[in-house]
PDB file of N, CA and C in Angstrom:
ATOM      1  N   MET A   1     209.665 201.277  88.765  1.00  0.00           N
ATOM      2  CA  MET A   1     208.290 201.488  88.375  1.00  0.00           C
ATOM      3  C   MET A   1     208.111 201.135  86.904  1.00  0.00           C
ATOM      4  N   ARG A   2     206.921 200.728  86.583  1.00  0.00           N
ATOM      5  CA  ARG A   2     206.653 200.395  85.190  1.00  0.00           C
ATOM      6  C   ARG A   2     206.404 201.658  84.373  1.00  0.00           C
ATOM      7  N   THR A   3     206.542 201.506  83.089  1.00  0.00           N
ATOM      8  CA  THR A   3     206.296 202.632  82.195  1.00  0.00           C
ATOM      9  C   THR A   3     204.910 202.498  81.585  1.00  0.00           C
ATOM     10  N   LEU A   4     204.353 203.638  81.188  1.00  0.00           N
ATOM     11  CA  LEU A   4     203.011 203.681  80.611  1.00  0.00           C
ATOM     12  C   LEU A   4     203.059 204.380  79.261  1.00  0.00           C
ATOM     13  N   LYS A   5     202.355 203.842  78.305  1.00  0.00           N
ATOM     14  CA  LYS A   5     202.321 204.425  76.968  1.00  0.00           C
ATOM     15  C   LYS A   5     201.322 205.577  76.914  1.00  0.00           C
ATOM     16  N   PRO A   6     201.552 206.539  76.013  1.00  0.00           N
ATOM     17  CA  PRO A   6     200.592 207.629  75.835  1.00  0.00           C
ATOM     18  C   PRO A   6     199.219 207.077  75.461  1.00  0.00           C
ATOM     19  N   GLY A   7     198.165 207.685  75.989  1.00  0.00           N
ATOM     20  CA  GLY A   7     196.805 207.236  75.708  1.00  0.00           C
ATOM     21  C   GLY A   7     196.260 206.256  76.730  1.00  0.00           C
ATOM     22  N   LYS A   8     197.141 205.612  77.512  1.00  0.00           N
ATOM     23  CA  LYS A   8     196.685 204.708  78.571  1.00  0.00           C
ATOM     24  C   LYS A   8     196.126 205.534  79.717  1.00  0.00           C
ATOM     25  N   LYS A   9     195.211 204.961  80.474  1.00  0.00           N
ATOM     26  CA  LYS A   9     194.639 205.667  81.624  1.00  0.00           C
ATOM     27  C   LYS A   9     195.651 205.683  82.767  1.00  0.00           C
ATOM     28  N   ALA A  10     195.757 206.831  83.419  1.00  0.00           N
ATOM     29  CA  ALA A  10     196.692 206.990  84.529  1.00  0.00           C
ATOM     30  C   ALA A  10     196.198 206.201  85.741  1.00  0.00           C
ATOM     31  N   PRO A  11     197.043 205.320  86.317  1.00  0.00           N
ATOM     32  CA  PRO A  11     196.627 204.551  87.489  1.00  0.00           C
ATOM     33  C   PRO A  11     196.599 205.384  88.771  1.00  0.00           C
ATOM     34  N   PHE A  12     197.330 206.498  88.798  1.00  0.00           N
ATOM     35  CA  PHE A  12     197.401 207.382  89.959  1.00  0.00           C
ATOM     36  C   PHE A  12     197.379 208.829  89.485  1.00  0.00           C
ATOM     37  N   SER A  13     196.897 209.727  90.332  1.00  0.00           N
ATOM     38  CA  SER A  13     197.031 211.159  90.059  1.00  0.00           C
ATOM     39  C   SER A  13     198.435 211.581  90.453  1.00  0.00           C
ATOM     40  N   GLY A  14     199.028 212.481  89.682  1.00  0.00           N
ATOM     41  CA  GLY A  14     200.352 212.972  90.036  1.00  0.00           C
ATOM     42  C   GLY A  14     201.152 213.449  88.853  1.00  0.00           C
ATOM     43  N   GLN A  15     202.466 213.585  89.078  1.00  0.00           N
ATOM     44  CA  GLN A  15     203.400 214.043  88.059  1.00  0.00           C
ATOM     45  C   GLN A  15     203.991 212.835  87.332  1.00  0.00           C
ATOM     46  N   TYR A  16     203.935 212.877  86.011  1.00  0.00           N
ATOM     47  CA  TYR A  16     204.509 211.829  85.172  1.00  0.00           C
ATOM     48  C   TYR A  16     205.614 212.441  84.328  1.00  0.00           C
ATOM     49  N   VAL A  17     206.774 211.792  84.278  1.00  0.00           N
ATOM     50  CA  VAL A  17     207.892 212.281  83.484  1.00  0.00           C
ATOM     51  C   VAL A  17     207.961 211.478  82.183  1.00  0.00           C
ATOM     52  N   MET A  18     208.302 212.167  81.087  1.00  0.00           N
ATOM     53  CA  MET A  18     208.505 211.476  79.814  1.00  0.00           C
ATOM     54  C   MET A  18     209.870 210.800  79.849  1.00  0.00           C
ATOM     55  N   VAL A  19     209.904 209.547  79.397  1.00  0.00           N
ATOM     56  CA  VAL A  19     211.132 208.767  79.363  1.00  0.00           C
ATOM     57  C   VAL A  19     211.402 208.394  77.913  1.00  0.00           C
ATOM     58  N   GLY A  20     212.662 208.542  77.494  1.00  0.00           N
ATOM     59  CA  GLY A  20     213.042 208.221  76.122  1.00  0.00           C
ATOM     60  C   GLY A  20     213.018 206.730  75.846  1.00  0.00           C
ATOM     61  N   PRO A  21     213.198 206.331  74.583  1.00  0.00           N
ATOM     62  CA  PRO A  21     213.124 204.921  74.199  1.00  0.00           C
ATOM     63  C   PRO A  21     214.167 204.033  74.885  1.00  0.00           C
ATOM     64  N   ARG A  22     215.295 204.622  75.292  1.00  0.00           N
ATOM     65  CA  ARG A  22     216.328 203.831  75.967  1.00  0.00           C
ATOM     66  C   ARG A  22     216.329 204.034  77.474  1.00  0.00           C
ATOM     67  N   GLY A  23     215.295 204.695  78.000  1.00  0.00           N
ATOM     68  CA  GLY A  23     215.150 204.839  79.447  1.00  0.00           C
ATOM     69  C   GLY A  23     215.655 206.136  80.039  1.00  0.00           C
ATOM     70  N   GLY A  24     216.170 207.040  79.223  1.00  0.00           N
ATOM     71  CA  GLY A  24     216.668 208.317  79.734  1.00  0.00           C
ATOM     72  C   GLY A  24     215.540 209.300  79.998  1.00  0.00           C
ATOM     73  N   HIS A  25     215.645 210.025  81.111  1.00  0.00           N
ATOM     74  CA  HIS A  25     214.626 211.027  81.449  1.00  0.00           C
ATOM     75  C   HIS A  25     214.792 212.247  80.550  1.00  0.00           C
ATOM     76  N   THR A  26     213.688 212.775  80.055  1.00  0.00           N
ATOM     77  CA  THR A  26     213.719 213.952  79.189  1.00  0.00           C
ATOM     78  C   THR A  26     213.625 215.240  79.999  1.00  0.00           C
ATOM     79  N   GLY A  27     213.186 215.140  81.253  1.00  0.00           N
ATOM     80  CA  GLY A  27     213.014 216.327  82.092  1.00  0.00           C
ATOM     81  C   GLY A  27     211.663 217.001  81.908  1.00  0.00           C
ATOM     82  N   ILE A  28     210.829 216.455  81.037  1.00  0.00           N
ATOM     83  CA  ILE A  28     209.508 217.027  80.784  1.00  0.00           C
ATOM     84  C   ILE A  28     208.485 216.273  81.622  1.00  0.00           C
ATOM     85  N   GLU A  29     207.729 217.000  82.439  1.00  0.00           N
ATOM     86  CA  GLU A  29     206.718 216.381  83.294  1.00  0.00           C
ATOM     87  C   GLU A  29     205.326 216.850  82.907  1.00  0.00           C
ATOM     88  N   ARG A  30     204.359 215.989  83.135  1.00  0.00           N
ATOM     89  CA  ARG A  30     202.946 216.301  82.904  1.00  0.00           C
ATOM     90  C   ARG A  30     202.175 215.931  84.163  1.00  0.00           C
ATOM     91  N   THR A  31     201.187 216.748  84.515  1.00  0.00           N
ATOM     92  CA  THR A  31     200.301 216.450  85.634  1.00  0.00           C
ATOM     93  C   THR A  31     199.066 215.762  85.073  1.00  0.00           C
ATOM     94  N   VAL A  32     198.756 214.580  85.609  1.00  0.00           N
ATOM     95  CA  VAL A  32     197.633 213.795  85.099  1.00  0.00           C
ATOM     96  C   VAL A  32     196.778 213.333  86.274  1.00  0.00           C
ATOM     97  N   VAL A  33     195.463 213.375  86.100  1.00  0.00           N
ATOM     98  CA  VAL A  33     194.506 212.927  87.111  1.00  0.00           C
ATOM     99  C   VAL A  33     194.209 211.445  86.889  1.00  0.00           C
ATOM    100  N   LYS A  34     194.035 210.702  87.979  1.00  0.00           N
ATOM    101  CA  LYS A  34     193.740 209.271  87.903  1.00  0.00           C
ATOM    102  C   LYS A  34     192.546 209.014  86.982  1.00  0.00           C
ATOM    103  N   GLY A  35     192.714 208.053  86.077  1.00  0.00           N
ATOM    104  CA  GLY A  35     191.644 207.674  85.167  1.00  0.00           C
ATOM    105  C   GLY A  35     191.641 208.436  83.854  1.00  0.00           C
ATOM    106  N   GLU A  36     192.389 209.534  83.778  1.00  0.00           N
ATOM    107  CA  GLU A  36     192.483 210.311  82.537  1.00  0.00           C
ATOM    108  C   GLU A  36     193.567 209.705  81.639  1.00  0.00           C
ATOM    109  N   PRO A  37     193.434 209.841  80.315  1.00  0.00           N
ATOM    110  CA  PRO A  37     194.473 209.306  79.430  1.00  0.00           C
ATOM    111  C   PRO A  37     195.747 210.153  79.491  1.00  0.00           C
ATOM    112  N   LEU A  38     196.892 209.477  79.391  1.00  0.00           N
ATOM    113  CA  LEU A  38     198.162 210.188  79.347  1.00  0.00           C
ATOM    114  C   LEU A  38     198.285 210.911  78.006  1.00  0.00           C
ATOM    115  N   PRO A  39     198.801 212.145  78.004  1.00  0.00           N
ATOM    116  CA  PRO A  39     198.868 212.921  76.761  1.00  0.00           C
ATOM    117  C   PRO A  39     199.907 212.365  75.787  1.00  0.00           C
ATOM    118  N   PRO A  40     199.833 212.794  74.523  1.00  0.00           N
ATOM    119  CA  PRO A  40     200.829 212.357  73.543  1.00  0.00           C
ATOM    120  C   PRO A  40     202.231 212.827  73.939  1.00  0.00           C
ATOM    121  N   THR A  41     203.250 212.057  73.548  1.00  0.00           N
ATOM    122  CA  THR A  41     204.639 212.443  73.793  1.00  0.00           C
ATOM    123  C   THR A  41     205.153 213.241  72.597  1.00  0.00           C
ATOM    124  N   LEU A  42     206.337 213.823  72.758  1.00  0.00           N
ATOM    125  CA  LEU A  42     206.911 214.653  71.705  1.00  0.00           C
ATOM    126  C   LEU A  42     207.511 213.831  70.564  1.00  0.00           C
ATOM    127  N   SER A  43     208.010 212.636  70.883  1.00  0.00           N
ATOM    128  CA  SER A  43     208.648 211.785  69.877  1.00  0.00           C
ATOM    129  C   SER A  43     208.141 210.358  69.995  1.00  0.00           C
ATOM    130  N   ALA A  44     208.241 209.625  68.905  1.00  0.00           N
ATOM    131  CA  ALA A  44     207.843 208.213  68.921  1.00  0.00           C
ATOM    132  C   ALA A  44     208.754 207.429  69.863  1.00  0.00           C
ATOM    133  N   GLY A  45     208.194 206.445  70.538  1.00  0.00           N
ATOM    134  CA  GLY A  45     208.973 205.586  71.427  1.00  0.00           C
ATOM    135  C   GLY A  45     209.067 206.078  72.857  1.00  0.00           C
ATOM    136  N   GLN A  46     208.640 207.304  73.121  1.00  0.00           N
ATOM    137  CA  GLN A  46     208.690 207.810  74.488  1.00  0.00           C
ATOM    138  C   GLN A  46     207.509 207.268  75.285  1.00  0.00           C
ATOM    139  N   VAL A  47     207.722 207.083  76.588  1.00  0.00           N
ATOM    140  CA  VAL A  47     206.693 206.580  77.497  1.00  0.00           C
ATOM    141  C   VAL A  47     206.696 207.457  78.747  1.00  0.00           C
ATOM    142  N   TYR A  48     205.804 207.158  79.678  1.00  0.00           N
ATOM    143  CA  TYR A  48     205.698 207.915  80.924  1.00  0.00           C
ATOM    144  C   TYR A  48     206.028 207.029  82.117  1.00  0.00           C
ATOM    145  N   LYS A  49     206.559 207.678  83.162  1.00  0.00           N
ATOM    146  CA  LYS A  49     206.820 207.020  84.441  1.00  0.00           C
ATOM    147  C   LYS A  49     206.387 207.991  85.530  1.00  0.00           C
ATOM    148  N   ILE A  50     205.662 207.499  86.539  1.00  0.00           N
ATOM    149  CA  ILE A  50     205.208 208.389  87.619  1.00  0.00           C
ATOM    150  C   ILE A  50     206.392 208.725  88.523  1.00  0.00           C
ATOM    151  N   VAL A  51     206.505 210.013  88.871  1.00  0.00           N
ATOM    152  CA  VAL A  51     207.595 210.446  89.739  1.00  0.00           C
ATOM    153  C   VAL A  51     207.099 211.029  91.057  1.00  0.00           C
ATOM    154  N   ASP A  52     205.846 211.495  91.104  1.00  0.00           N
ATOM    155  CA  ASP A  52     205.326 212.102  92.326  1.00  0.00           C
ATOM    156  C   ASP A  52     203.815 211.908  92.388  1.00  0.00           C
ATOM    157  N   LYS A  53     203.378 210.971  93.229  1.00  0.00           N
ATOM    158  CA  LYS A  53     201.938 210.744  93.390  1.00  0.00           C
ATOM    159  C   LYS A  53     201.322 211.866  94.208  1.00  0.00           C
ATOM    160  N   THR A  54     200.099 212.234  93.873  1.00  0.00           N
ATOM    161  CA  THR A  54     199.358 213.227  94.639  1.00  0.00           C
ATOM    162  C   THR A  54     198.978 212.621  95.988  1.00  0.00           C
ATOM    163  N   LYS A  55     199.093 213.410  97.045  1.00  0.00           N
ATOM    164  CA  LYS A  55     198.841 212.895  98.391  1.00  0.00           C
ATOM    165  C   LYS A  55     197.392 213.030  98.837  1.00  0.00           C
ATOM    166  N   THR A  56     196.536 213.687  98.045  1.00  0.00           N
ATOM    167  CA  THR A  56     195.129 213.825  98.411  1.00  0.00           C
ATOM    168  C   THR A  56     194.360 212.565  98.056  1.00  0.00           C
ATOM    169  N   ARG A  57     193.177 212.418  98.618  1.00  0.00           N
ATOM    170  CA  ARG A  57     192.390 211.208  98.360  1.00  0.00           C
ATOM    171  C   ARG A  57     191.511 211.351  97.196  1.00  0.00           C
TER     172      ARG A  57
END
């Protein structure tokens, strides 16, 4: 899956995990609704990757 930078609009509703600059999972997840901006990360260089899409329509 592709990674998304903080502030970009979420393409899907669901759980997004923060990923470190070298691709390691931080274990921190955020719930984001489709179309809403992704929240700021804790450190520079971190991005988001979707791990669990919401199953509702």
